[in-house]
Amino acid sequence: MGVAAVVALGSAGCSASGTDGSGDVKAAAPAAAAADDSGDGKDVCAHLKKELPRIKAVGSEVGAMAQLAMSLAGFYENHEKLADGEALDAQTEKACPEVRAEILEAAGIKSFADL
């Protein structure tokens, strides 16, 4: 399951939609307004560095992978433009290769695209 799928599943129940009293469903406010337009990976690297001890502490690869997926889903609620596994790989390889390597090793995966 890709990171984008985890994000979609993780945020599916968190929309701001409702009714306007007439029975018509109002659309959720676009989350793109809060999206991060920077493509340099600084924000995601800071997030991963903060999460690294928690992900390592899980103690199993499957548990670490689940923790990482949920952590990234939360991160992507406000950073949707980075919600692609291949883009995340490219950004973290450039911006924080050491943190990337430790996170991927703890989760037992070779790429964020594997989530």
Protein backbone atom coordinates (compact mmCIF):
# COMPACT_ATOMS: atom_id res chain seq x y z
CA MET A 1 0.00 0.00 0.00
CA GLY A 2 1.49 3.35 -1.00
CA VAL A 3 1.90 6.34 1.27
CA ALA A 4 -0.83 8.18 -0.63
CA ALA A 5 -3.22 5.28 0.01
CA VAL A 6 -2.41 5.32 3.71
CA VAL A 7 -3.00 9.07 3.76
CA ALA A 8 -6.32 8.67 1.96
CA LEU A 9 -7.41 5.91 4.32
CA GLY A 10 -6.13 7.69 7.41
CA SER A 11 -7.85 10.96 6.63
CA ALA A 12 -11.08 9.56 5.14
CA GLY A 13 -12.92 9.87 8.42
CA CYS A 14 -11.58 13.34 9.17
CA SER A 15 -13.31 15.48 6.56
CA ALA A 16 -15.01 18.73 7.37
CA SER A 17 -18.04 17.95 5.23
CA GLY A 18 -21.57 18.20 6.52
CA THR A 19 -24.97 19.46 5.49
CA ASP A 20 -26.14 22.99 5.05
CA GLY A 21 -29.57 22.36 6.55
CA SER A 22 -31.24 21.66 3.21
CA GLY A 23 -29.91 18.11 3.11
CA ASP A 24 -27.24 19.01 0.56
CA VAL A 25 -23.79 17.84 1.48
CA LYS A 26 -21.17 20.56 1.65
CA ALA A 27 -17.72 19.75 0.34
CA ALA A 28 -14.83 19.65 2.75
CA ALA A 29 -12.59 22.67 2.78
CA PRO A 30 -9.68 22.09 0.44
CA ALA A 31 -6.66 20.88 2.35
CA ALA A 32 -4.39 22.19 -0.38
CA ALA A 33 -4.44 25.58 1.27
CA ALA A 34 -2.37 24.13 4.11
CA ALA A 35 -0.10 22.08 1.84
CA ASP A 36 3.62 22.59 1.85
CA ASP A 37 4.83 23.87 -1.52
CA SER A 38 8.50 23.34 -0.77
CA GLY A 39 10.04 20.40 -2.54
CA ASP A 40 13.30 20.35 -0.59
CA GLY A 41 12.21 17.85 2.06
CA LYS A 42 13.27 19.92 5.09
CA ASP A 43 9.90 19.60 6.81
CA VAL A 44 9.57 15.86 6.26
CA CYS A 45 13.18 15.31 7.37
CA ALA A 46 12.55 17.23 10.58
CA HIS A 47 9.42 15.15 11.13
CA LEU A 48 11.23 11.85 10.47
CA LYS A 49 14.11 12.83 12.76
CA LYS A 50 11.63 13.56 15.55
CA GLU A 51 9.78 10.27 14.95
CA LEU A 52 12.89 8.07 14.61
CA PRO A 53 13.21 7.16 18.32
CA ARG A 54 9.52 6.21 18.50
CA ILE A 55 9.70 4.09 15.37
CA LYS A 56 12.86 2.31 16.54
CA ALA A 57 11.35 1.69 19.98
CA VAL A 58 8.51 -0.39 18.53
CA GLY A 59 10.85 -3.36 18.32
CA SER A 60 9.48 -5.15 15.26
CA GLU A 61 9.67 -4.30 11.58
CA VAL A 62 5.93 -4.74 11.06
CA GLY A 63 5.14 -2.55 14.05
CA ALA A 64 7.69 0.04 12.94
CA MET A 65 6.21 0.04 9.44
CA ALA A 66 2.74 0.62 10.88
CA GLN A 67 4.03 3.39 13.17
CA LEU A 68 5.82 5.02 10.22
CA ALA A 69 2.73 4.82 8.00
CA MET A 70 0.54 6.43 10.66
CA SER A 71 3.16 9.07 11.40
CA LEU A 72 3.42 9.99 7.73
CA ALA A 73 -0.36 10.02 7.38
CA GLY A 74 -0.53 12.59 10.17
CA PHE A 75 2.28 14.61 8.63
CA TYR A 76 0.59 14.63 5.23
CA GLU A 77 -2.61 16.10 6.60
CA ASN A 78 -0.80 19.45 6.23
CA HIS A 79 1.82 18.53 3.62
CA GLU A 80 -0.11 16.88 0.82
CA LYS A 81 2.29 17.85 -1.95
CA LEU A 82 4.89 15.51 -0.44
CA ALA A 83 2.52 12.53 -0.14
CA ASP A 84 4.14 10.40 -2.84
CA GLY A 85 6.53 7.60 -1.88
CA GLU A 86 8.88 8.17 -4.81
CA ALA A 87 9.01 11.93 -4.18
CA LEU A 88 9.60 11.25 -0.49
CA ASP A 89 12.48 8.92 -1.39
CA ALA A 90 14.06 11.56 -3.64
CA GLN A 91 13.68 14.33 -1.08
CA THR A 92 15.01 12.34 1.86
CA GLU A 93 17.91 10.89 -0.14
CA LYS A 94 18.99 14.47 -0.79
CA ALA A 95 18.03 16.23 2.45
CA CYS A 96 18.57 13.61 5.19
CA PRO A 97 20.05 10.35 3.89
CA GLU A 98 21.15 9.16 7.35
CA VAL A 99 17.72 9.61 8.92
CA ARG A 100 16.11 8.03 5.84
CA ALA A 101 18.38 4.99 6.10
CA GLU A 102 17.65 4.50 9.82
CA ILE A 103 13.87 4.85 9.35
CA LEU A 104 13.78 2.43 6.42
CA GLU A 105 15.96 -0.09 8.25
CA ALA A 106 13.76 0.04 11.36
CA ALA A 107 10.67 -0.56 9.20
CA GLY A 108 12.32 -3.30 7.17
CA ILE A 109 11.71 -1.60 3.84
CA LYS A 110 14.00 -0.34 1.09
CA SER A 111 11.92 2.64 -0.02
CA PHE A 112 9.09 4.84 1.18
CA ALA A 113 7.30 3.73 -1.99
CA ASP A 114 7.07 0.28 -0.33
CA LEU A 115 4.68 1.55 2.36
